[in-house]
């Protein structure tokens, strides 16, 4: 009985010394321009904790960007893209020179991180696409 009382007391002490709140999120931002559609997904977990009167924060996330050409079929060679979120940015180039005429012109990226900044639910994500001497910007909104 004494042992049981000691276990309960230790459990209460540990609970009083550390608190933890976990939040999961899953956002999908979508948009389109005249020739392109875009989608950006952000999934992650935030952990707010307090131990021994010290606040702490942990964040893990996975992000993905998909850009797809929707315009009239035309030979597309190089596609340059950039994107900006409140949590960061990225860019790249994709070569479609050897693609068949019927192939989808899509660009897909994926990343994961720990401890980085978080994309917010109400953010606007801007994607700029350059191809064949043309340029368009897609504004992605959370849907």
N, C-alpha and C. Protein backbone atom coordinates (compact mmCIF):
# COMPACT_ATOMS: atom_id res chain seq x y z
N UNK A 1 0.83 -1.19 0.00
CA UNK A 1 0.00 0.00 0.00
C UNK A 1 0.87 1.25 0.00
N UNK A 2 1.93 1.19 0.78
CA UNK A 2 2.85 2.32 0.85
C UNK A 2 3.49 2.56 -0.53
N UNK A 3 3.84 1.47 -1.19
CA UNK A 3 4.45 1.55 -2.52
C UNK A 3 3.48 2.20 -3.52
N UNK A 4 2.20 1.84 -3.45
CA UNK A 4 1.18 2.40 -4.33
C UNK A 4 1.06 3.90 -4.10
N UNK A 5 1.07 4.33 -2.86
CA UNK A 5 1.00 5.76 -2.53
C UNK A 5 2.20 6.50 -3.08
N UNK A 6 3.37 5.90 -3.00
CA UNK A 6 4.60 6.52 -3.52
C UNK A 6 4.52 6.66 -5.03
N UNK A 7 4.02 5.65 -5.73
CA UNK A 7 3.87 5.72 -7.19
C UNK A 7 2.90 6.82 -7.60
N UNK A 8 1.81 6.94 -6.90
CA UNK A 8 0.84 8.00 -7.20
C UNK A 8 1.45 9.37 -6.95
N UNK A 9 2.17 9.53 -5.88
CA UNK A 9 2.81 10.82 -5.58
C UNK A 9 3.84 11.18 -6.65
N UNK A 10 4.65 10.23 -7.08
CA UNK A 10 5.64 10.49 -8.13
C UNK A 10 4.94 10.85 -9.44
N UNK A 11 3.87 10.16 -9.77
CA UNK A 11 3.11 10.44 -10.98
C UNK A 11 2.54 11.85 -10.97
N UNK A 12 1.99 12.26 -9.84
CA UNK A 12 1.45 13.61 -9.72
C UNK A 12 2.55 14.66 -9.83
N UNK A 13 3.69 14.38 -9.24
CA UNK A 13 4.83 15.30 -9.30
C UNK A 13 5.31 15.46 -10.74
N UNK A 14 5.43 14.37 -11.45
CA UNK A 14 5.87 14.43 -12.85
C UNK A 14 4.86 15.17 -13.72
N UNK A 15 3.58 14.96 -13.47
CA UNK A 15 2.55 15.65 -14.22
C UNK A 15 2.60 17.15 -13.94
N UNK A 16 2.85 17.53 -12.72
CA UNK A 16 2.93 18.94 -12.36
C UNK A 16 4.16 19.60 -12.96
N UNK A 17 5.23 18.86 -13.18
CA UNK A 17 6.47 19.41 -13.68
C UNK A 17 6.53 19.48 -15.21
N UNK A 18 5.74 18.69 -15.89
CA UNK A 18 5.81 18.71 -17.35
C UNK A 18 4.40 18.67 -17.94
N UNK A 19 4.16 19.57 -18.87
CA UNK A 19 2.91 19.61 -19.59
C UNK A 19 3.22 19.62 -21.07
N UNK A 20 2.34 19.01 -21.85
CA UNK A 20 2.60 18.88 -23.27
C UNK A 20 1.28 19.05 -24.03
N UNK A 21 1.33 19.83 -25.11
CA UNK A 21 0.16 19.99 -25.98
C UNK A 21 0.60 19.71 -27.41
N UNK A 22 -0.04 18.74 -28.04
CA UNK A 22 0.32 18.35 -29.40
C UNK A 22 -0.79 18.76 -30.36
N UNK A 23 -0.39 19.36 -31.49
CA UNK A 23 -1.32 19.79 -32.52
C UNK A 23 -0.88 19.20 -33.85
N UNK A 24 -1.82 18.62 -34.58
CA UNK A 24 -1.56 18.09 -35.92
C UNK A 24 -2.25 19.00 -36.92
N UNK A 25 -1.62 19.22 -38.07
CA UNK A 25 -2.25 20.02 -39.12
C UNK A 25 -2.03 19.37 -40.47
N UNK A 26 -2.93 19.67 -41.40
CA UNK A 26 -2.89 19.14 -42.75
C UNK A 26 -3.55 20.17 -43.66
N UNK A 27 -2.75 20.97 -44.35
CA UNK A 27 -3.25 22.04 -45.21
C UNK A 27 -2.98 21.70 -46.67
N UNK A 28 -3.91 22.06 -47.54
CA UNK A 28 -3.72 21.93 -48.98
C UNK A 28 -4.03 23.27 -49.62
N UNK A 29 -3.04 23.86 -50.23
CA UNK A 29 -3.17 25.14 -50.91
C UNK A 29 -3.27 24.88 -52.40
N UNK A 30 -4.24 25.50 -53.08
CA UNK A 30 -4.44 25.26 -54.51
C UNK A 30 -4.66 26.58 -55.24
N UNK A 31 -4.33 26.56 -56.53
CA UNK A 31 -4.56 27.72 -57.37
C UNK A 31 -4.23 27.40 -58.80
N UNK A 32 -4.55 28.34 -59.69
CA UNK A 32 -4.22 28.14 -61.09
C UNK A 32 -4.04 29.48 -61.78
N UNK A 33 -3.32 29.42 -62.89
CA UNK A 33 -3.15 30.57 -63.77
C UNK A 33 -3.67 30.15 -65.14
N UNK A 34 -3.39 30.91 -66.16
CA UNK A 34 -3.90 30.59 -67.49
C UNK A 34 -3.40 29.23 -67.99
N UNK A 35 -2.11 28.93 -67.75
CA UNK A 35 -1.51 27.71 -68.29
C UNK A 35 -1.10 26.67 -67.24
N UNK A 36 -1.19 26.99 -65.97
CA UNK A 36 -0.66 26.10 -64.93
C UNK A 36 -1.64 25.94 -63.77
N UNK A 37 -1.61 24.76 -63.15
CA UNK A 37 -2.28 24.56 -61.86
C UNK A 37 -1.20 24.25 -60.84
N UNK A 38 -1.48 24.56 -59.60
CA UNK A 38 -0.52 24.29 -58.55
C UNK A 38 -1.21 23.81 -57.28
N UNK A 39 -0.52 22.97 -56.55
CA UNK A 39 -1.00 22.49 -55.26
C UNK A 39 0.20 22.34 -54.33
N UNK A 40 0.05 22.81 -53.12
CA UNK A 40 1.10 22.71 -52.10
C UNK A 40 0.46 22.11 -50.86
N UNK A 41 0.98 21.00 -50.39
CA UNK A 41 0.44 20.40 -49.17
C UNK A 41 1.46 20.50 -48.05
N UNK A 42 0.96 20.75 -46.87
CA UNK A 42 1.80 20.84 -45.67
C UNK A 42 1.12 20.06 -44.56
N UNK A 43 1.83 19.04 -44.06
CA UNK A 43 1.32 18.21 -42.96
C UNK A 43 2.37 18.22 -41.88
N UNK A 44 1.93 18.31 -40.63
CA UNK A 44 2.93 18.29 -39.58
C UNK A 44 2.35 18.17 -38.19
N UNK A 45 3.28 18.19 -37.25
CA UNK A 45 2.95 18.08 -35.83
C UNK A 45 3.73 19.13 -35.07
N UNK A 46 3.03 19.84 -34.20
CA UNK A 46 3.66 20.80 -33.30
C UNK A 46 3.49 20.29 -31.88
N UNK A 47 4.54 20.41 -31.10
CA UNK A 47 4.46 20.03 -29.69
C UNK A 47 4.94 21.21 -28.86
N UNK A 48 4.03 21.74 -28.06
CA UNK A 48 4.37 22.79 -27.10
C UNK A 48 4.51 22.09 -25.76
N UNK A 49 5.60 22.34 -25.07
CA UNK A 49 5.77 21.66 -23.79
C UNK A 49 6.41 22.59 -22.77
N UNK A 50 6.17 22.23 -21.54
CA UNK A 50 6.77 22.96 -20.43
C UNK A 50 7.30 21.93 -19.45
N UNK A 51 8.58 22.03 -19.18
CA UNK A 51 9.22 21.14 -18.22
C UNK A 51 10.03 21.97 -17.25
N UNK A 52 9.80 21.76 -15.98
CA UNK A 52 10.52 22.49 -14.94
C UNK A 52 10.51 23.99 -15.19
N UNK A 53 9.32 24.52 -15.51
CA UNK A 53 9.09 25.94 -15.73
C UNK A 53 9.84 26.50 -16.95
N UNK A 54 10.22 25.64 -17.89
CA UNK A 54 10.88 26.07 -19.13
C UNK A 54 10.00 25.66 -20.31
N UNK A 55 9.73 26.63 -21.19
CA UNK A 55 8.90 26.36 -22.37
C UNK A 55 9.74 25.74 -23.47
N UNK A 56 9.13 24.86 -24.24
CA UNK A 56 9.81 24.23 -25.36
C UNK A 56 8.86 24.05 -26.52
N UNK A 57 9.43 23.91 -27.71
CA UNK A 57 8.62 23.75 -28.92
C UNK A 57 9.33 22.79 -29.86
N UNK A 58 8.58 21.86 -30.43
CA UNK A 58 9.11 20.94 -31.44
C UNK A 58 8.16 20.98 -32.63
N UNK A 59 8.73 20.86 -33.82
CA UNK A 59 7.91 20.89 -35.03
C UNK A 59 8.50 19.94 -36.06
N UNK A 60 7.65 19.08 -36.61
CA UNK A 60 8.03 18.18 -37.70
C UNK A 60 7.01 18.37 -38.82
N UNK A 61 7.50 18.40 -40.07
CA UNK A 61 6.57 18.62 -41.17
C UNK A 61 7.03 17.93 -42.45
N UNK A 62 6.06 17.76 -43.33
CA UNK A 62 6.30 17.27 -44.69
C UNK A 62 5.54 18.20 -45.62
N UNK A 63 6.24 18.63 -46.68
CA UNK A 63 5.63 19.51 -47.66
C UNK A 63 5.80 18.92 -49.05
N UNK A 64 4.86 19.21 -49.92
CA UNK A 64 4.94 18.76 -51.32
C UNK A 64 4.36 19.84 -52.21
N UNK A 65 4.99 20.02 -53.37
CA UNK A 65 4.52 20.98 -54.37
C UNK A 65 4.34 20.24 -55.68
N UNK A 66 3.20 20.46 -56.33
CA UNK A 66 2.94 19.89 -57.65
C UNK A 66 2.50 21.04 -58.56
N UNK A 67 3.19 21.19 -59.69
CA UNK A 67 2.84 22.19 -60.70
C UNK A 67 2.58 21.42 -61.99
N UNK A 68 1.44 21.66 -62.63
CA UNK A 68 1.07 20.93 -63.84
C UNK A 68 0.64 21.89 -64.94
N UNK A 69 1.19 21.67 -66.12
CA UNK A 69 0.84 22.48 -67.29
C UNK A 69 -0.54 22.08 -67.78
N UNK A 70 -1.41 23.06 -68.02
CA UNK A 70 -2.78 22.76 -68.48
C UNK A 70 -3.08 23.43 -69.81
N UNK A 71 -2.10 24.12 -70.36
CA UNK A 71 -2.32 24.84 -71.61
C UNK A 71 -2.41 23.93 -72.81
N UNK A 72 -2.59 24.55 -73.96
CA UNK A 72 -2.66 23.80 -75.22
C UNK A 72 -1.34 23.07 -75.45
N UNK A 73 -1.38 21.89 -76.03
CA UNK A 73 -0.14 21.14 -76.26
C UNK A 73 0.86 21.96 -77.08
N UNK A 74 2.04 22.07 -76.59
CA UNK A 74 3.14 22.74 -77.28
C UNK A 74 4.43 22.14 -76.77
N UNK A 75 5.46 22.15 -77.57
CA UNK A 75 6.73 21.61 -77.08
C UNK A 75 7.29 22.51 -75.96
N UNK A 76 7.45 21.93 -74.80
CA UNK A 76 8.02 22.67 -73.68
C UNK A 76 9.39 22.07 -73.40
N UNK A 77 10.38 22.93 -73.24
CA UNK A 77 11.73 22.42 -72.99
C UNK A 77 12.11 22.62 -71.53
N UNK A 78 12.57 23.78 -71.18
CA UNK A 78 12.96 24.04 -69.79
C UNK A 78 11.85 24.78 -69.05
N UNK A 79 11.60 24.35 -67.84
CA UNK A 79 10.66 25.04 -66.96
C UNK A 79 11.42 25.43 -65.70
N UNK A 80 11.43 26.72 -65.41
CA UNK A 80 12.02 27.24 -64.17
C UNK A 80 10.87 27.62 -63.25
N UNK A 81 11.00 27.28 -61.98
CA UNK A 81 9.95 27.63 -61.03
C UNK A 81 10.56 28.11 -59.72
N UNK A 82 9.83 28.96 -59.06
CA UNK A 82 10.17 29.40 -57.70
C UNK A 82 8.87 29.41 -56.90
N UNK A 83 9.00 29.20 -55.60
CA UNK A 83 7.83 29.33 -54.74
C UNK A 83 8.26 29.95 -53.43
N UNK A 84 7.32 30.68 -52.82
CA UNK A 84 7.58 31.35 -51.55
C UNK A 84 6.42 31.10 -50.59
N UNK A 85 6.78 30.70 -49.38
CA UNK A 85 5.83 30.58 -48.29
C UNK A 85 6.36 31.44 -47.15
N UNK A 86 5.58 31.60 -46.11
CA UNK A 86 6.07 32.34 -44.95
C UNK A 86 7.13 31.54 -44.20
N UNK A 87 7.20 30.24 -44.48
CA UNK A 87 8.16 29.37 -43.79
C UNK A 87 9.44 29.17 -44.59
N UNK A 88 9.46 29.62 -45.85
CA UNK A 88 10.66 29.43 -46.67
C UNK A 88 10.34 29.52 -48.14
N UNK A 89 11.31 29.16 -48.94
CA UNK A 89 11.13 29.23 -50.39
C UNK A 89 11.94 28.14 -51.06
N UNK A 90 11.72 27.99 -52.34
CA UNK A 90 12.46 27.00 -53.11
C UNK A 90 12.40 27.33 -54.58
N UNK A 91 13.24 26.67 -55.35
CA UNK A 91 13.25 26.89 -56.79
C UNK A 91 13.87 25.68 -57.46
N UNK A 92 13.69 25.62 -58.76
CA UNK A 92 14.27 24.52 -59.51
C UNK A 92 14.06 24.69 -60.99
N UNK A 93 14.67 23.79 -61.73
CA UNK A 93 14.54 23.75 -63.18
C UNK A 93 14.26 22.31 -63.59
N UNK A 94 13.37 22.15 -64.52
CA UNK A 94 13.05 20.81 -65.02
C UNK A 94 13.15 20.82 -66.53
N UNK A 95 13.83 19.86 -67.08
CA UNK A 95 14.05 19.76 -68.51
C UNK A 95 13.08 18.76 -69.12
N UNK A 96 12.22 19.25 -70.02
CA UNK A 96 11.25 18.40 -70.71
C UNK A 96 11.61 18.21 -72.18
N UNK A 97 12.85 18.51 -72.54
CA UNK A 97 13.28 18.45 -73.93
C UNK A 97 13.02 17.09 -74.55
N UNK A 98 13.26 16.01 -73.83
CA UNK A 98 13.09 14.66 -74.37
C UNK A 98 11.73 14.04 -74.07
N UNK A 99 10.82 14.83 -73.51
CA UNK A 99 9.48 14.31 -73.19
C UNK A 99 8.68 14.13 -74.48
N UNK A 100 7.81 13.15 -74.47
CA UNK A 100 6.92 12.93 -75.60
C UNK A 100 5.81 13.97 -75.58
N UNK A 101 5.26 14.26 -76.72
CA UNK A 101 4.21 15.28 -76.84
C UNK A 101 3.03 15.00 -75.90
N UNK A 102 2.69 13.71 -75.69
CA UNK A 102 1.53 13.35 -74.88
C UNK A 102 1.84 13.27 -73.39
N UNK A 103 3.09 13.37 -73.01
CA UNK A 103 3.47 13.27 -71.60
C UNK A 103 2.94 14.47 -70.82
N UNK A 104 2.55 14.21 -69.57
CA UNK A 104 2.19 15.30 -68.66
C UNK A 104 3.42 16.16 -68.40
N UNK A 105 3.22 17.44 -68.38
CA UNK A 105 4.29 18.34 -67.96
C UNK A 105 3.97 18.70 -66.51
N UNK A 106 4.54 17.94 -65.59
CA UNK A 106 4.32 18.14 -64.16
C UNK A 106 5.64 18.16 -63.43
N UNK A 107 5.68 18.99 -62.42
CA UNK A 107 6.85 19.08 -61.54
C UNK A 107 6.36 18.74 -60.15
N UNK A 108 7.07 17.82 -59.50
CA UNK A 108 6.70 17.40 -58.13
C UNK A 108 7.93 17.50 -57.24
N UNK A 109 7.75 18.14 -56.12
CA UNK A 109 8.82 18.21 -55.13
C UNK A 109 8.28 17.73 -53.79
N UNK A 110 9.17 17.27 -52.94
CA UNK A 110 8.78 16.79 -51.61
C UNK A 110 9.91 17.09 -50.64
N UNK A 111 9.57 17.52 -49.45
CA UNK A 111 10.60 17.74 -48.43
C UNK A 111 10.01 17.45 -47.06
N UNK A 112 10.90 17.20 -46.12
CA UNK A 112 10.49 17.04 -44.72
C UNK A 112 11.52 17.74 -43.85
N UNK A 113 11.08 18.16 -42.69
CA UNK A 113 11.99 18.89 -41.81
C UNK A 113 11.58 18.74 -40.36
N UNK A 114 12.52 19.04 -39.50
CA UNK A 114 12.28 19.08 -38.06
C UNK A 114 12.81 20.40 -37.53
N UNK A 115 12.02 21.06 -36.73
CA UNK A 115 12.46 22.30 -36.09
C UNK A 115 12.40 23.52 -36.97
N UNK A 116 11.86 23.40 -38.18
CA UNK A 116 11.80 24.54 -39.09
C UNK A 116 10.53 25.35 -38.85
N UNK A 117 10.43 26.45 -39.56
CA UNK A 117 9.24 27.30 -39.47
C UNK A 117 8.04 26.56 -40.05
N UNK A 118 6.85 26.97 -39.65
CA UNK A 118 5.61 26.31 -40.05
C UNK A 118 4.84 27.18 -41.02
N UNK A 119 4.30 26.56 -42.07
CA UNK A 119 3.37 27.24 -42.96
C UNK A 119 2.07 27.43 -42.20
N UNK A 120 1.50 28.63 -42.27
CA UNK A 120 0.27 28.91 -41.54
C UNK A 120 -0.96 28.66 -42.40
N UNK A 121 -2.05 28.37 -41.76
CA UNK A 121 -3.29 28.00 -42.42
C UNK A 121 -3.78 29.05 -43.41
N UNK A 122 -3.63 30.32 -43.11
CA UNK A 122 -4.15 31.39 -43.96
C UNK A 122 -3.11 32.02 -44.88
N UNK A 123 -1.96 31.38 -45.01
CA UNK A 123 -0.90 31.91 -45.89
C UNK A 123 -1.33 31.88 -47.35
N UNK A 124 -0.73 32.75 -48.14
CA UNK A 124 -0.82 32.70 -49.59
C UNK A 124 0.55 32.28 -50.07
N UNK A 125 0.58 31.29 -50.94
CA UNK A 125 1.84 30.79 -51.47
C UNK A 125 1.93 31.21 -52.93
N UNK A 126 3.05 31.85 -53.28
CA UNK A 126 3.22 32.33 -54.64
C UNK A 126 4.20 31.44 -55.39
N UNK A 127 3.76 30.95 -56.54
CA UNK A 127 4.58 30.10 -57.40
C UNK A 127 4.74 30.83 -58.74
N UNK A 128 5.98 31.02 -59.16
CA UNK A 128 6.25 31.65 -60.45
C UNK A 128 6.85 30.59 -61.38
N UNK A 129 6.28 30.49 -62.58
CA UNK A 129 6.71 29.49 -63.56
C UNK A 129 7.17 30.23 -64.82
N UNK A 130 8.35 29.86 -65.32
CA UNK A 130 8.88 30.43 -66.56
C UNK A 130 9.14 29.29 -67.53
N UNK A 131 8.66 29.44 -68.77
CA UNK A 131 8.85 28.41 -69.80
C UNK A 131 8.67 29.07 -71.18
N UNK A 132 9.40 28.60 -72.13
CA UNK A 132 9.27 29.04 -73.53
C UNK A 132 9.13 30.56 -73.67
N UNK A 133 9.87 31.32 -72.89
CA UNK A 133 9.81 32.78 -72.98
C UNK A 133 8.58 33.38 -72.31
N UNK A 134 7.81 32.58 -71.60
CA UNK A 134 6.61 33.08 -70.91
C UNK A 134 6.81 32.98 -69.40
N UNK A 135 5.98 33.70 -68.68
CA UNK A 135 6.03 33.67 -67.21
C UNK A 135 4.64 33.88 -66.65
N UNK A 136 4.28 33.08 -65.65
CA UNK A 136 3.03 33.23 -64.93
C UNK A 136 3.25 33.02 -63.45
N UNK A 137 2.42 33.67 -62.66
CA UNK A 137 2.46 33.49 -61.21
C UNK A 137 1.12 32.89 -60.77
N UNK A 138 1.22 31.87 -59.95
CA UNK A 138 0.05 31.19 -59.40
C UNK A 138 -0.03 31.54 -57.92
N UNK A 139 -1.20 31.96 -57.47
CA UNK A 139 -1.42 32.22 -56.04
C UNK A 139 -2.17 31.03 -55.46
N UNK A 140 -1.55 30.36 -54.52
CA UNK A 140 -2.17 29.19 -53.91
C UNK A 140 -2.80 29.57 -52.57
N UNK A 141 -4.06 29.16 -52.39
CA UNK A 141 -4.80 29.44 -51.15
C UNK A 141 -5.22 28.13 -50.52
N UNK A 142 -5.30 28.12 -49.20
CA UNK A 142 -5.72 26.92 -48.48
C UNK A 142 -7.18 26.63 -48.79
N UNK A 143 -7.45 25.39 -49.14
CA UNK A 143 -8.83 24.99 -49.50
C UNK A 143 -9.40 24.08 -48.44
